[in-house]
Amino acid sequence: MDFTSGGFVDGNIAITSVLILCLVAASLKAHILDKNGVFAAALLGFFVGSFGHWTWLLLLLCFLLSSHLATKWRFDEKTERGLNESSDGHRGWVNVAANGGMPALVALIAFLLEDWQNGLWMFAAAVAVATSDTWASEIGCLDARVRMITTFKPCNAGENGGFSPNGQLAAAAGGLLIGISTLVASTIMFSMNLNESLILSAIVAGLGFLGCQIDSVLGAVLENRGFLTKGSVNALSIIAGVALMWFYLGTPM
């Protein structure tokens, strides 16, 4: 069986199917997603794995599981302060769509162009932005040193556009996690020069952090004025990360 090629090959479909089953089981057991969220994640995951590669699905799982852990971090304290989106930390299909829509589109384009190498790095940039932003929100919200990104004036924790030292560190760590994971994925899929892979993985990590800042700016300027929703801000910041990676690669994708 072929486990390294992307698209509809036997090995890729087989591992993707196993990972989907693991995703569903883990989500239901740990209450990571509600029922609609589980269905959306399973559908999205199969789409990503089938059109992209099973390692791309692993990147999404890194985002999902690590973000759940970040959400559960000091959960009771965040609940008391009204900083949690749900009573038990689960997320729904809207969150899945906002964070996974662009990665799924990248997987489809990679499949149509049969360009999984460039597709991997663009896909990883999307996941890195989502991870960095989620980590920053979930960990930074308990840091009292919150300032508005557009004015640098103190603001309330959890306010759109707010950032904190701990949140910035968390954003950098989230991007780094996906950068390292992508380096592993590239090693499995391709025979690339190690220096090139290291540079691209570092760019993925950096774009994750940058995308988080773009998310904060959009939140401060547009979401706070009612022009955008939280989901649309997330989606636009992820699109920005993919666009910047596309520009760097110089690919026709």
Foldseek 3Di string as FASTA:
>chain_A
DDQQAAAADDNLLVLLVVVLVVQLVCCVVLVQAPPQANVLLSVLSSLLSHLAGNLLSVLVVCLSVVLQVLCPVVVVVCVVVVLAPDPRSHYYNLLCCLLRVVLSVLSNVCNVVVPNPLSLLLSLLSSLQSSLQSNLLSFVLPDQCWAAQVPRHHDHRNQQRIGDPRSLVSSLVSQLVSLVSSLVSCVRHHDDDSVVSNVSSVLSSVSNSVLNNQLSVCRVPPVVVPNDDNSVSSNVSSVVSSVVSCVVVVDPD
